[in-house]
C-alpha atoms as a PDB file:
ATOM      1  CA  MET A   1       0.042   0.114  -0.118  1.00  0.00           C
ATOM      2  CA  THR A   2       1.503   3.331  -0.876  1.00  0.00           C
ATOM      3  CA  SER A   3       1.140   6.484   1.103  1.00  0.00           C
ATOM      4  CA  LYS A   4      -1.479   8.223  -1.482  1.00  0.00           C
ATOM      5  CA  ASP A   5      -3.900   5.456  -0.820  1.00  0.00           C
ATOM      6  CA  ALA A   6      -3.879   5.825   3.199  1.00  0.00           C
ATOM      7  CA  THR A   7      -6.827   7.629   4.352  1.00  0.00           C
ATOM      8  CA  PRO A   8      -5.533  10.809   5.690  1.00  0.00           C
ATOM      9  CA  ALA A   9      -5.084  10.988   9.785  1.00  0.00           C
ATOM     10  CA  GLU A  10      -7.168  14.796  10.161  1.00  0.00           C
ATOM     11  CA  PRO A  11     -10.243  15.430   8.353  1.00  0.00           C
ATOM     12  CA  PRO A  12     -10.441  17.511   5.150  1.00  0.00           C
ATOM     13  CA  THR A  13     -10.485  21.406   5.837  1.00  0.00           C
ATOM     14  CA  GLU A  14     -13.657  23.357   4.825  1.00  0.00           C
ATOM     15  CA  ALA A  15     -11.528  24.757   2.046  1.00  0.00           C
ATOM     16  CA  ALA A  16     -11.130  21.593   0.431  1.00  0.00           C
ATOM     17  CA  LEU A  17     -15.023  20.462   0.627  1.00  0.00           C
ATOM     18  CA  ARG A  18     -15.791  23.965  -0.715  1.00  0.00           C
ATOM     19  CA  ASN A  19     -13.641  23.537  -3.724  1.00  0.00           C
ATOM     20  CA  THR A  20     -15.013  19.750  -4.320  1.00  0.00           C
ATOM     21  CA  ALA A  21     -18.797  20.738  -4.020  1.00  0.00           C
ATOM     22  CA  LEU A  22     -18.467  24.128  -6.425  1.00  0.00           C
ATOM     23  CA  ASN A  23     -16.621  21.065  -8.742  1.00  0.00           C
ATOM     24  CA  MET A  24     -19.606  19.099  -8.500  1.00  0.00           C
ATOM     25  CA  LEU A  25     -22.282  22.000  -8.788  1.00  0.00           C
ATOM     26  CA  ALA A  26     -20.621  23.683 -11.725  1.00  0.00           C
ATOM     27  CA  ARG A  27     -21.313  20.401 -13.656  1.00  0.00           C
ATOM     28  CA  ARG A  28     -25.238  20.048 -12.505  1.00  0.00           C
ATOM     29  CA  GLU A  29     -27.952  20.968  -9.601  1.00  0.00           C
ATOM     30  CA  PHE A  30     -27.953  19.020  -7.002  1.00  0.00           C
ATOM     31  CA  ALA A  31     -30.179  18.808  -3.859  1.00  0.00           C
ATOM     32  CA  ARG A  32     -28.560  19.867  -0.480  1.00  0.00           C
ATOM     33  CA  ALA A  33     -29.039  15.521   0.446  1.00  0.00           C
ATOM     34  CA  GLU A  34     -27.691  14.434  -2.362  1.00  0.00           C
ATOM     35  CA  LEU A  35     -24.703  16.781  -2.401  1.00  0.00           C
ATOM     36  CA  ALA A  36     -24.049  15.787   1.766  1.00  0.00           C
ATOM     37  CA  ARG A  37     -24.482  12.271   0.761  1.00  0.00           C
ATOM     38  CA  ARG A  38     -21.700  12.864  -1.555  1.00  0.00           C
ATOM     39  CA  LEU A  39     -19.927  14.836   0.084  1.00  0.00           C
ATOM     40  CA  SER A  40     -19.506  12.195   3.296  1.00  0.00           C
ATOM     41  CA  ARG A  41     -18.655   9.716   1.072  1.00  0.00           C
ATOM     42  CA  LYS A  42     -15.874  11.174  -0.509  1.00  0.00           C
ATOM     43  CA  TYR A  43     -14.383  12.214   2.919  1.00  0.00           C
ATOM     44  CA  GLY A  44     -15.943  10.554   5.302  1.00  0.00           C
ATOM     45  CA  ASP A  45     -18.211  11.098   8.151  1.00  0.00           C
ATOM     46  CA  GLU A  46     -15.425  13.065  10.094  1.00  0.00           C
ATOM     47  CA  ALA A  47     -15.650  15.842   7.559  1.00  0.00           C
ATOM     48  CA  PRO A  48     -17.277  19.330   8.198  1.00  0.00           C
ATOM     49  CA  VAL A  49     -19.647  19.014   5.571  1.00  0.00           C
ATOM     50  CA  GLU A  50     -22.739  21.504   6.852  1.00  0.00           C
ATOM     51  CA  PRO A  51     -21.204  24.112   7.267  1.00  0.00           C
ATOM     52  CA  VAL A  52     -19.942  24.157   3.681  1.00  0.00           C
ATOM     53  CA  LEU A  53     -23.512  23.276   2.650  1.00  0.00           C
ATOM     54  CA  ALA A  54     -24.815  26.448   4.717  1.00  0.00           C
ATOM     55  CA  TRP A  55     -22.136  28.359   2.910  1.00  0.00           C
ATOM     56  CA  LEU A  56     -23.323  27.242  -0.284  1.00  0.00           C
ATOM     57  CA  GLU A  57     -26.837  28.182   0.371  1.00  0.00           C
ATOM     58  CA  GLU A  58     -26.062  31.186   1.703  1.00  0.00           C
ATOM     59  CA  MET A  59     -24.342  32.090  -1.522  1.00  0.00           C
ATOM     60  CA  ASN A  60     -27.339  30.320  -3.580  1.00  0.00           C
ATOM     61  CA  PHE A  61     -25.230  28.450  -5.189  1.00  0.00           C
ATOM     62  CA  LEU A  62     -26.985  25.322  -3.585  1.00  0.00           C
ATOM     63  CA  ASN A  63     -31.180  25.755  -3.733  1.00  0.00           C
ATOM     64  CA  ASP A  64     -33.754  22.668  -3.619  1.00  0.00           C
ATOM     65  CA  THR A  65     -36.114  24.825  -4.873  1.00  0.00           C
ATOM     66  CA  ARG A  66     -34.382  25.882  -7.972  1.00  0.00           C
ATOM     67  CA  TYR A  67     -33.283  22.014  -8.239  1.00  0.00           C
ATOM     68  CA  ALA A  68     -36.660  20.817  -7.995  1.00  0.00           C
ATOM     69  CA  GLY A  69     -37.802  22.688 -10.337  1.00  0.00           C
ATOM     70  CA  MET A  70     -35.019  21.792 -12.840  1.00  0.00           C
ATOM     71  CA  LEU A  71     -35.426  18.101 -12.165  1.00  0.00           C
ATOM     72  CA  VAL A  72     -39.596  18.252 -12.641  1.00  0.00           C
ATOM     73  CA  ARG A  73     -38.883  20.126 -15.905  1.00  0.00           C
ATOM     74  CA  SER A  74     -36.015  17.612 -17.232  1.00  0.00           C
ATOM     75  CA  HIS A  75     -38.439  14.845 -16.067  1.00  0.00           C
ATOM     76  CA  ILE A  76     -41.588  16.532 -18.021  1.00  0.00           C
ATOM     77  CA  GLU A  77     -39.713  16.744 -20.892  1.00  0.00           C
ATOM     78  CA  ARG A  78     -38.347  12.938 -21.162  1.00  0.00           C
ATOM     79  CA  GLY A  79     -41.797  11.991 -21.087  1.00  0.00           C
ATOM     80  CA  HIS A  80     -41.948  11.011 -17.445  1.00  0.00           C
ATOM     81  CA  GLY A  81     -45.514  10.741 -14.747  1.00  0.00           C
ATOM     82  CA  LEU A  82     -45.938  12.594 -11.929  1.00  0.00           C
ATOM     83  CA  LEU A  83     -45.677   9.118 -10.075  1.00  0.00           C
ATOM     84  CA  ARG A  84     -42.421   9.059 -11.346  1.00  0.00           C
ATOM     85  CA  ILE A  85     -41.306  12.429 -10.927  1.00  0.00           C
ATOM     86  CA  ARG A  86     -42.571  12.437  -7.656  1.00  0.00           C
ATOM     87  CA  GLN A  87     -40.460   9.494  -6.361  1.00  0.00           C
ATOM     88  CA  THR A  88     -37.349  10.669  -7.787  1.00  0.00           C
ATOM     89  CA  LEU A  89     -37.456  14.312  -5.886  1.00  0.00           C
ATOM     90  CA  GLN A  90     -38.488  11.941  -2.493  1.00  0.00           C
ATOM     91  CA  GLN A  91     -35.066  10.015  -3.001  1.00  0.00           C
ATOM     92  CA  ASN A  92     -32.730  13.021  -4.007  1.00  0.00           C
ATOM     93  CA  GLY A  93     -33.824  14.462  -0.474  1.00  0.00           C
ATOM     94  CA  ILE A  94     -36.692  17.260  -1.680  1.00  0.00           C
ATOM     95  CA  ALA A  95     -38.997  17.730   1.166  1.00  0.00           C
ATOM     96  CA  PRO A  96     -42.851  16.478   0.454  1.00  0.00           C
ATOM     97  CA  ALA A  97     -43.851  20.173   0.732  1.00  0.00           C
ATOM     98  CA  LEU A  98     -41.110  21.546  -1.489  1.00  0.00           C
ATOM     99  CA  ALA A  99     -41.718  18.836  -4.180  1.00  0.00           C
ATOM    100  CA  GLU A 100     -45.471  19.352  -4.512  1.00  0.00           C
ATOM    101  CA  GLN A 101     -45.124  23.025  -5.300  1.00  0.00           C
ATOM    102  CA  ALA A 102     -42.375  22.188  -8.093  1.00  0.00           C
ATOM    103  CA  LEU A 103     -44.903  19.955  -9.517  1.00  0.00           C
ATOM    104  CA  ALA A 104     -47.812  22.605  -9.234  1.00  0.00           C
ATOM    105  CA  GLU A 105     -45.419  25.295 -10.636  1.00  0.00           C
ATOM    106  CA  ALA A 106     -44.834  22.985 -13.749  1.00  0.00           C
ATOM    107  CA  ASP A 107     -48.172  23.402 -14.805  1.00  0.00           C
ATOM    108  CA  CYS A 108     -48.747  20.239 -16.989  1.00  0.00           C
ATOM    109  CA  ASP A 109     -51.285  18.164 -18.560  1.00  0.00           C
ATOM    110  CA  TRP A 110     -50.387  14.982 -17.473  1.00  0.00           C
ATOM    111  CA  PHE A 111     -53.407  13.383 -19.588  1.00  0.00           C
ATOM    112  CA  ALA A 112     -51.830  15.284 -22.611  1.00  0.00           C
ATOM    113  CA  LEU A 113     -48.368  14.267 -21.839  1.00  0.00           C
ATOM    114  CA  ALA A 114     -49.490  10.811 -21.204  1.00  0.00           C
ATOM    115  CA  ALA A 115     -51.127  10.448 -24.672  1.00  0.00           C
ATOM    116  CA  GLU A 116     -47.893  12.346 -26.190  1.00  0.00           C
ATOM    117  CA  THR A 117     -45.758   9.611 -24.882  1.00  0.00           C
ATOM    118  CA  ARG A 118     -47.544   7.119 -25.707  1.00  0.00           C
ATOM    119  CA  GLN A 119     -47.836   8.227 -29.251  1.00  0.00           C
ATOM    120  CA  ARG A 120     -44.202   8.852 -29.867  1.00  0.00           C
ATOM    121  CA  ARG A 121     -43.521   5.332 -28.850  1.00  0.00           C
ATOM    122  CA  PHE A 122     -46.085   3.314 -30.037  1.00  0.00           C
ATOM    123  CA  GLY A 123     -46.551   5.285 -32.785  1.00  0.00           C
ATOM    124  CA  SER A 124     -50.519   7.176 -33.702  1.00  0.00           C
ATOM    125  CA  GLY A 125     -52.127   4.084 -34.177  1.00  0.00           C
ATOM    126  CA  ALA A 126     -54.235   2.150 -32.121  1.00  0.00           C
ATOM    127  CA  PRO A 127     -53.160  -0.993 -30.388  1.00  0.00           C
ATOM    128  CA  ALA A 128     -53.492  -4.488 -32.374  1.00  0.00           C
ATOM    129  CA  ASP A 129     -54.817  -6.187 -29.601  1.00  0.00           C
ATOM    130  CA  LEU A 130     -55.169  -6.928 -25.973  1.00  0.00           C
ATOM    131  CA  LYS A 131     -51.771  -7.850 -26.040  1.00  0.00           C
ATOM    132  CA  ASP A 132     -50.324  -4.671 -27.572  1.00  0.00           C
ATOM    133  CA  LYS A 133     -52.776  -2.658 -25.512  1.00  0.00           C
ATOM    134  CA  ALA A 134     -51.509  -4.227 -21.836  1.00  0.00           C
ATOM    135  CA  ARG A 135     -47.785  -3.880 -23.428  1.00  0.00           C
ATOM    136  CA  GLN A 136     -48.675   0.028 -23.911  1.00  0.00           C
ATOM    137  CA  LEU A 137     -50.486   0.244 -20.701  1.00  0.00           C
ATOM    138  CA  ARG A 138     -47.619  -1.252 -18.630  1.00  0.00           C
ATOM    139  CA  PHE A 139     -44.981   1.047 -20.517  1.00  0.00           C
ATOM    140  CA  LEU A 140     -47.060   4.315 -19.506  1.00  0.00           C
ATOM    141  CA  GLN A 141     -47.245   2.829 -15.782  1.00  0.00           C
ATOM    142  CA  TYR A 142     -43.770   2.237 -15.703  1.00  0.00           C
ATOM    143  CA  ARG A 143     -42.800   5.933 -16.939  1.00  0.00           C
ATOM    144  CA  GLY A 144     -45.078   7.026 -13.866  1.00  0.00           C
ATOM    145  CA  PHE A 145     -48.234   7.889 -15.111  1.00  0.00           C
ATOM    146  CA  THR A 146     -51.528   7.160 -13.078  1.00  0.00           C
ATOM    147  CA  GLY A 147     -53.944   4.660 -13.890  1.00  0.00           C
ATOM    148  CA  GLU A 148     -56.454   7.105 -15.175  1.00  0.00           C
ATOM    149  CA  GLN A 149     -54.411   8.848 -17.061  1.00  0.00           C
ATOM    150  CA  CYS A 150     -52.616   5.603 -18.835  1.00  0.00           C
ATOM    151  CA  PHE A 151     -56.006   4.581 -19.975  1.00  0.00           C
ATOM    152  CA  ALA A 152     -56.901   7.716 -20.989  1.00  0.00           C
ATOM    153  CA  ALA A 153     -53.779   7.850 -23.292  1.00  0.00           C
ATOM    154  CA  LEU A 154     -54.889   4.361 -24.699  1.00  0.00           C
ATOM    155  CA  ASP A 155     -58.678   5.557 -25.206  1.00  0.00           C
ATOM    156  CA  SER A 156     -57.508   8.795 -26.852  1.00  0.00           C
ATOM    157  CA  VAL A 157     -56.059   6.743 -30.018  1.00  0.00           C
ATOM    158  CA  ARG A 158     -59.466   4.693 -30.317  1.00  0.00           C
ATOM    159  CA  ASP A 159     -61.487   7.985 -30.282  1.00  0.00           C
ATOM    160  CA  SER A 160     -59.659  10.404 -32.531  1.00  0.00           C
ATOM    161  CA  PRO A 161     -60.494  10.283 -35.968  1.00  0.00           C
ATOM    162  CA  HIS A 162     -58.794   7.921 -38.543  1.00  0.00           C
ATOM    163  CA  ASP A 163     -57.957   8.969 -42.186  1.00  0.00           C
ATOM    164  CA  ALA A 164     -60.683   7.943 -44.727  1.00  0.00           C
ATOM    165  CA  ASP A 165     -59.697   6.344 -48.060  1.00  0.00           C
END
């Protein structure tokens, strides 16, 4: 074992943690809990993570409200539903009230998004049979849409006017 592989005897300084945190935040947004987890994993539990996180929030480099809004928008663009986005926010340590606020501010028509996501994946034609309909339903459920939204997306294909020959 070389000397550089050995763990340091003393915890890193706040300056080292600030530097690492700023480098991470320069690449993408993080939730406070997520960044705290990453810094603790990298530097250990003895590292002065809390003062660094407080400083980052004070300087507005770290902002859970901004992070939640960004995450909601990016997931909507990918065609993810309300349930999946809510779960991702929860997994990233966003408070439930803040998550609901970000979802409400997104002002998304979840039924239209489900129909659009179904059409992007499977085309504008109706499911050929029950097996195909079940496959499309599972796909929409996996993407995080509610049962009501999934069935509405599948029914909208059947109800839409078809080209006359």
